[in-house]
């Protein structure tokens, strides 16, 4: 939709660029001018504010391929025709700055005028109108909750979220999986080794495209990992509970411990090993770019649920032969302290 006063304005001259300027060069020039003339950088300077409006108007037209083509055609007519922004009835106003931006904010041609205010004014001012265009939100143009952010540039596309469920083995070794994007197209995603249940992976540029040619949003992928019947992930280490008999724990023994995806390894259980002691197998954990973890085997002394008469007599004889001491004395003393 051509603006009536496009005949009278040389947007190329306003931005100081040639008529064959590329989109990338145009964006670079606009950002520089936007920073220079923005009211936040020139509080109370009406001339700078007017210049910023002029620069923004020129950029909004030239950055849009369709509008730029129409603008060039209108200018080439040299005043031989007139286009209006609205339906063209009596009292309809010419295009101008309001018309150029009106469509962007849901206003028709010749509609309500946009108000521009300095920072610190009420809602609906200059900050609020432009914040959405440049990625700001609620904090004013060029502002974030942390302060000054800068000006200009296309708006980044929105982030998207997705969830995928992996087998334990896949989460440990890593794999490239296929997901379906929002547009229905398949998407390859590399899952690193050692991801945890509930971990989030941010995939840059895999979200929604920008509405005005800027950077695409990100895809935030939440990983769900199915539990393994034997192993648990602990950082780069793998944990496994290993039951041993009372005799093995008391007298010592060599036992076999399972590994993930490999043959069991043999471990020596020292005599007198208590339940809960952790035995470490170096290098049999998760292999990542930051190193390889260990296999941590936690000893669990298995108490027999049923004893025959002979076994009961043997245990009673053992109890009678052991020193008369209470293993809970230290626990009770520390609790009282």
Protein backbone atom coordinates (compact mmCIF):
# COMPACT_ATOMS: atom_id res chain seq x y z
CA UNK A 1 0.00 0.00 0.00
CA UNK A 2 1.71 3.16 -1.18
CA UNK A 3 1.76 6.26 0.98
CA UNK A 4 0.67 9.48 -0.70
CA UNK A 5 3.72 11.45 0.37
CA UNK A 6 6.16 8.85 -0.93
CA UNK A 7 6.48 11.18 -3.95
CA UNK A 8 7.95 13.85 -1.72
CA UNK A 9 10.32 11.71 0.32
CA UNK A 10 13.63 10.24 -0.75
CA UNK A 11 14.07 7.35 1.66
CA UNK A 12 17.42 6.42 0.15
CA UNK A 13 18.72 9.90 0.89
CA UNK A 14 17.29 9.80 4.42
CA UNK A 15 19.35 6.70 5.13
CA UNK A 16 22.30 7.85 3.07
CA UNK A 17 22.36 4.77 0.85
CA UNK A 18 22.26 4.13 -2.88
CA UNK A 19 19.21 2.76 -4.69
CA UNK A 20 20.91 -0.60 -5.17
CA UNK A 21 21.69 -1.06 -1.48
CA UNK A 22 21.49 -4.69 -0.34
CA UNK A 23 19.22 -5.78 2.53
CA UNK A 24 22.26 -6.54 4.70
CA UNK A 25 23.80 -3.11 4.08
CA UNK A 26 20.42 -1.47 4.69
CA UNK A 27 20.06 -3.20 8.04
CA UNK A 28 23.56 -2.20 9.11
CA UNK A 29 23.01 1.47 8.22
CA UNK A 30 19.61 1.56 9.90
CA UNK A 31 20.91 0.13 13.17
CA UNK A 32 23.67 2.72 13.29
CA UNK A 33 21.25 5.59 12.68
CA UNK A 34 18.68 4.18 15.12
CA UNK A 35 21.24 4.14 17.91
CA UNK A 36 22.36 7.64 17.07
CA UNK A 37 18.94 9.33 16.95
CA UNK A 38 16.82 7.27 19.33
CA UNK A 39 15.15 9.43 22.02
CA UNK A 40 16.63 7.27 24.79
CA UNK A 41 20.05 8.45 23.65
CA UNK A 42 18.89 12.04 23.19
CA UNK A 43 16.37 12.82 25.95
CA UNK A 44 14.46 16.03 25.34
CA UNK A 45 15.91 16.51 21.85
CA UNK A 46 12.94 17.00 19.55
CA UNK A 47 15.14 17.18 16.46
CA UNK A 48 16.66 13.78 17.19
CA UNK A 49 13.22 12.29 17.79
CA UNK A 50 11.98 13.66 14.48
CA UNK A 51 15.06 12.30 12.74
CA UNK A 52 14.51 8.89 14.32
CA UNK A 53 10.94 8.82 13.05
CA UNK A 54 12.14 9.75 9.59
CA UNK A 55 14.84 7.05 9.61
CA UNK A 56 12.41 4.43 10.92
CA UNK A 57 9.86 5.29 8.24
CA UNK A 58 12.46 5.00 5.50
CA UNK A 59 13.73 1.68 6.80
CA UNK A 60 10.26 0.17 7.23
CA UNK A 61 9.54 0.80 3.55
CA UNK A 62 12.90 -0.15 2.05
CA UNK A 63 13.33 -3.25 4.22
CA UNK A 64 10.09 -4.72 2.88
CA UNK A 65 10.72 -6.08 -0.64
CA UNK A 66 7.15 -5.48 -1.80
CA UNK A 67 6.93 -1.96 -0.37
CA UNK A 68 10.36 -1.11 -1.73
CA UNK A 69 9.34 -2.24 -5.21
CA UNK A 70 6.12 -0.19 -5.01
CA UNK A 71 8.01 2.81 -3.63
CA UNK A 72 10.51 2.71 -6.50
CA UNK A 73 7.65 2.52 -9.01
CA UNK A 74 5.80 5.42 -7.40
CA UNK A 75 8.93 7.57 -7.33
CA UNK A 76 9.62 6.72 -10.96
CA UNK A 77 6.25 8.23 -11.91
CA UNK A 78 7.56 11.59 -10.88
CA UNK A 79 4.26 12.78 -9.46
CA UNK A 80 2.02 11.55 -12.28
CA UNK A 81 -0.26 9.63 -9.93
CA UNK A 82 -1.41 9.64 -6.32
CA UNK A 83 -2.10 6.75 -3.98
CA UNK A 84 -3.92 6.97 -0.69
CA UNK A 85 -3.59 4.75 2.34
CA UNK A 86 -7.27 4.31 3.10
CA UNK A 87 -10.47 3.72 1.16
CA UNK A 88 -10.18 7.16 -0.37
CA UNK A 89 -13.38 8.77 0.91
CA UNK A 90 -13.79 12.42 1.81
CA UNK A 91 -11.62 13.44 4.68
CA UNK A 92 -9.22 10.59 4.19
CA UNK A 93 -5.72 11.56 5.19
CA UNK A 94 -2.54 10.93 3.25
CA UNK A 95 -0.17 8.11 4.18
CA UNK A 96 2.83 9.46 6.03
CA UNK A 97 4.47 8.04 9.11
CA UNK A 98 1.24 6.92 10.78
CA UNK A 99 0.11 4.97 7.72
CA UNK A 100 3.43 3.21 7.29
CA UNK A 101 3.34 1.94 10.86
CA UNK A 102 -0.44 1.67 11.18
CA UNK A 103 -0.68 -1.72 9.55
CA UNK A 104 2.01 -3.06 11.84
CA UNK A 105 0.01 -2.21 14.94
CA UNK A 106 -3.48 -3.04 13.69
CA UNK A 107 -4.48 0.53 12.72
CA UNK A 108 -6.06 1.42 9.40
CA UNK A 109 -4.87 4.22 7.19
CA UNK A 110 -5.74 7.63 8.62
CA UNK A 111 -6.57 6.10 11.99
CA UNK A 112 -5.58 7.17 15.46
CA UNK A 113 -2.26 8.94 15.62
CA UNK A 114 0.59 7.25 17.39
CA UNK A 115 1.91 9.08 20.43
CA UNK A 116 5.63 9.13 21.21
CA UNK A 117 6.89 9.82 24.70
CA UNK A 118 10.19 9.98 26.43
CA UNK A 119 11.15 7.17 28.86
CA UNK A 120 9.34 7.46 32.16
CA UNK A 121 6.01 8.43 30.63
CA UNK A 122 2.77 6.51 30.91
CA UNK A 123 1.82 3.35 29.08
CA UNK A 124 1.30 3.37 25.34
CA UNK A 125 4.22 5.72 24.69
CA UNK A 126 7.16 5.52 22.38
CA UNK A 127 8.77 2.72 24.37
CA UNK A 128 5.70 0.49 24.33
CA UNK A 129 5.09 0.87 20.61
CA UNK A 130 8.59 -0.03 19.54
CA UNK A 131 9.50 -2.59 22.20
CA UNK A 132 7.85 -5.45 20.32
CA UNK A 133 9.61 -4.52 17.10
CA UNK A 134 13.03 -4.85 18.67
CA UNK A 135 12.56 -7.70 21.08
CA UNK A 136 11.91 -5.62 24.22
CA UNK A 137 9.21 -6.56 26.65
CA UNK A 138 7.66 -4.32 29.26
CA UNK A 139 10.93 -2.60 30.09
CA UNK A 140 10.90 0.04 27.39
CA UNK A 141 12.68 0.30 24.09
CA UNK A 142 16.16 -1.11 24.19
CA UNK A 143 15.73 -2.20 27.79
CA UNK A 144 15.72 -5.54 29.55
CA UNK A 145 15.39 -6.31 33.23
CA UNK A 146 19.14 -5.88 33.37
CA UNK A 147 19.24 -2.42 31.82
CA UNK A 148 20.27 -1.00 28.46
CA UNK A 149 20.25 -3.53 25.61
CA UNK A 150 20.68 -1.57 22.38
CA UNK A 151 18.40 -0.65 19.49
CA UNK A 152 17.16 -1.75 16.15
CA UNK A 153 17.28 -4.91 14.14
CA UNK A 154 14.67 -7.46 13.13
CA UNK A 155 12.74 -9.35 15.76
CA UNK A 156 13.92 -12.83 16.74
CA UNK A 157 11.50 -15.67 16.11
CA UNK A 158 9.71 -17.26 19.05
CA UNK A 159 11.26 -20.16 20.96
CA UNK A 160 9.53 -23.52 20.80
CA UNK A 161 9.48 -26.41 23.27
CA UNK A 162 9.43 -30.14 22.70
CA UNK A 163 9.88 -33.35 24.72
CA UNK A 164 11.46 -36.63 23.71
CA UNK A 165 11.87 -39.90 25.62
CA UNK A 166 15.09 -41.92 25.38
CA UNK A 167 16.09 -45.39 26.47
CA UNK A 168 18.68 -45.43 29.24
CA UNK A 169 21.33 -46.85 26.93
CA UNK A 170 20.71 -44.12 24.32
CA UNK A 171 20.96 -41.40 26.97
CA UNK A 172 24.28 -42.82 28.15
CA UNK A 173 26.05 -43.18 24.79
CA UNK A 174 24.30 -40.35 22.90
CA UNK A 175 22.67 -40.57 19.50
CA UNK A 176 21.28 -38.53 16.60
CA UNK A 177 17.50 -38.77 16.66
CA UNK A 178 14.72 -37.55 14.38
CA UNK A 179 12.03 -35.13 15.53
CA UNK A 180 9.14 -33.59 13.64
CA UNK A 181 9.25 -29.79 13.45
CA UNK A 182 6.16 -27.61 13.78
CA UNK A 183 5.97 -27.34 9.99
CA UNK A 184 5.81 -31.12 9.70
CA UNK A 185 9.34 -31.52 8.35
CA UNK A 186 11.72 -34.02 10.01
CA UNK A 187 14.55 -32.56 12.07
CA UNK A 188 17.81 -34.27 13.05
CA UNK A 189 18.96 -33.60 16.61
CA UNK A 190 22.22 -34.80 18.14
CA UNK A 191 21.79 -35.94 21.75
CA UNK A 192 25.10 -35.77 23.67
CA UNK A 193 26.26 -38.69 25.80
CA UNK A 194 25.21 -38.64 29.44
CA UNK A 195 21.98 -36.61 29.30
CA UNK A 196 19.84 -36.79 32.43
CA UNK A 197 16.14 -37.26 32.92
CA UNK A 198 14.56 -33.79 32.86
CA UNK A 199 17.58 -32.11 31.24
CA UNK A 200 16.86 -29.34 28.73
CA UNK A 201 18.84 -28.89 25.52
CA UNK A 202 18.65 -25.57 23.65
CA UNK A 203 18.93 -25.91 19.88
CA UNK A 204 19.83 -22.56 18.37
CA UNK A 205 17.83 -21.45 15.35
CA UNK A 206 15.46 -24.46 15.40
CA UNK A 207 12.41 -22.51 16.63
CA UNK A 208 9.91 -20.35 14.75
CA UNK A 209 11.25 -18.11 11.97
CA UNK A 210 11.44 -14.37 12.51
CA UNK A 211 8.42 -12.42 11.26
CA UNK A 212 10.66 -9.83 9.63
CA UNK A 213 13.71 -11.68 8.35
CA UNK A 214 15.68 -11.81 11.60
CA UNK A 215 17.17 -14.69 13.51
CA UNK A 216 14.99 -17.75 14.06
CA UNK A 217 14.00 -18.72 17.58
CA UNK A 218 15.38 -21.69 19.49
CA UNK A 219 13.98 -25.12 20.23
CA UNK A 220 14.15 -26.07 23.91
CA UNK A 221 14.11 -29.86 24.05
CA UNK A 222 13.31 -31.57 27.38
CA UNK A 223 14.76 -35.06 27.74
CA UNK A 224 12.90 -37.85 29.51
CA UNK A 225 15.01 -40.96 30.22
CA UNK A 226 13.45 -44.36 30.90
CA UNK A 227 14.70 -46.01 34.09
CA UNK A 228 17.11 -48.91 33.87
CA UNK A 229 16.34 -51.98 35.99
CA UNK A 230 19.91 -52.11 37.34
CA UNK A 231 21.88 -48.91 36.74
CA UNK A 232 21.40 -45.26 37.73
CA UNK A 233 23.16 -42.22 36.31
CA UNK A 234 25.10 -40.01 38.72
CA UNK A 235 26.85 -37.26 36.76
CA UNK A 236 29.39 -39.10 34.63
CA UNK A 237 29.28 -42.13 36.93
CA UNK A 238 27.03 -45.17 36.84
CA UNK A 239 25.72 -46.61 40.11
CA UNK A 240 24.65 -50.18 40.80
CA UNK A 241 23.62 -51.95 44.02
CA UNK A 242 25.42 -55.29 44.45
CA UNK A 243 24.10 -57.82 46.98
CA UNK A 244 26.60 -59.96 48.87
CA UNK A 245 26.02 -62.71 51.42
CA UNK A 246 26.79 -62.26 55.09
CA UNK A 247 29.63 -64.75 54.76
CA UNK A 248 31.13 -62.87 51.79
CA UNK A 249 30.96 -59.56 53.65
CA UNK A 250 32.34 -61.03 56.86
CA UNK A 251 35.06 -63.27 55.45
CA UNK A 252 35.82 -61.44 52.20
CA UNK A 253 35.27 -62.67 48.65
CA UNK A 254 35.77 -61.95 44.96
CA UNK A 255 32.46 -61.18 43.25
CA UNK A 256 31.22 -60.33 39.77
CA UNK A 257 29.65 -56.92 39.10
CA UNK A 258 27.63 -56.17 35.91
CA UNK A 259 28.62 -53.36 33.54
CA UNK A 260 26.43 -51.46 31.09
CA UNK A 261 26.69 -53.05 27.66
CA UNK A 262 29.72 -55.18 28.54
CA UNK A 263 30.93 -58.26 30.39
CA UNK A 264 30.85 -58.33 34.20
CA UNK A 265 33.98 -57.27 36.07
CA UNK A 266 35.46 -59.00 39.12
CA UNK A 267 35.80 -57.05 42.37
CA UNK A 268 37.42 -57.95 45.66
CA UNK A 269 35.21 -57.49 48.73
CA UNK A 270 37.43 -57.12 51.78
CA UNK A 271 36.66 -59.07 54.93
CA UNK A 272 34.41 -57.12 57.25
CA UNK A 273 32.87 -54.99 54.48
CA UNK A 274 29.71 -53.31 55.80
CA UNK A 275 26.50 -52.77 53.84
CA UNK A 276 26.61 -49.45 51.98
CA UNK A 277 30.34 -49.43 51.20
CA UNK A 278 31.05 -48.24 47.63
CA UNK A 279 33.49 -50.11 45.42
CA UNK A 280 34.80 -48.17 42.42
CA UNK A 281 35.58 -49.53 38.96
CA UNK A 282 37.59 -46.89 37.10
CA UNK A 283 36.61 -45.91 33.57
CA UNK A 284 33.41 -47.96 33.31
CA UNK A 285 31.01 -45.02 33.59
CA UNK A 286 29.78 -42.54 30.96
CA UNK A 287 32.21 -41.43 28.24
CA UNK A 288 31.66 -37.73 27.40
CA UNK A 289 33.74 -34.95 25.85
CA UNK A 290 34.68 -33.92 29.40
CA UNK A 291 36.03 -37.33 30.35
CA UNK A 292 34.86 -40.77 31.39
CA UNK A 293 33.19 -41.59 34.68
CA UNK A 294 33.42 -44.67 36.89
CA UNK A 295 31.16 -47.55 37.88
CA UNK A 296 30.21 -47.23 41.55
CA UNK A 297 29.09 -50.52 43.10
CA UNK A 298 27.33 -50.19 46.46
CA UNK A 299 27.55 -53.29 48.62
CA UNK A 300 24.26 -54.49 50.09
CA UNK A 301 24.54 -57.33 52.60
CA UNK A 302 21.74 -59.77 51.85
CA UNK A 303 20.17 -61.23 54.99
CA UNK A 304 18.55 -64.64 54.50
CA UNK A 305 14.81 -64.52 55.01
CA UNK A 306 14.52 -68.16 56.10
CA UNK A 307 16.93 -70.33 58.11
CA UNK A 308 16.76 -74.06 58.60
CA UNK A 309 17.54 -75.53 61.97
CA UNK A 310 21.19 -76.20 61.19
CA UNK A 311 21.76 -72.69 59.87
CA UNK A 312 19.98 -71.16 62.86
CA UNK A 313 22.17 -73.09 65.27
CA UNK A 314 25.25 -71.89 63.40
CA UNK A 315 24.15 -68.24 63.57
CA UNK A 316 23.38 -68.58 67.28
CA UNK A 317 26.78 -70.08 67.87
CA UNK A 318 28.36 -67.20 65.95
CA UNK A 319 26.44 -64.66 68.02
CA UNK A 320 27.61 -66.28 71.23
CA UNK A 321 31.19 -66.24 70.02
CA UNK A 322 31.19 -62.55 69.04
CA UNK A 323 32.14 -59.80 71.53
CA UNK A 324 29.23 -58.49 73.58
CA UNK A 325 28.93 -55.07 72.01
CA UNK A 326 26.05 -52.95 70.74
CA UNK A 327 26.74 -51.47 67.27
CA UNK A 328 24.11 -48.78 67.93
CA UNK A 329 25.79 -47.28 70.99
CA UNK A 330 27.67 -44.66 68.95
CA UNK A 331 24.53 -43.76 66.97
CA UNK A 332 22.54 -43.17 70.19
CA UNK A 333 25.35 -41.14 71.72
CA UNK A 334 25.64 -38.87 68.66
CA UNK A 335 21.86 -38.41 68.57
CA UNK A 336 21.84 -37.28 72.20
CA UNK A 337 24.71 -34.88 71.61
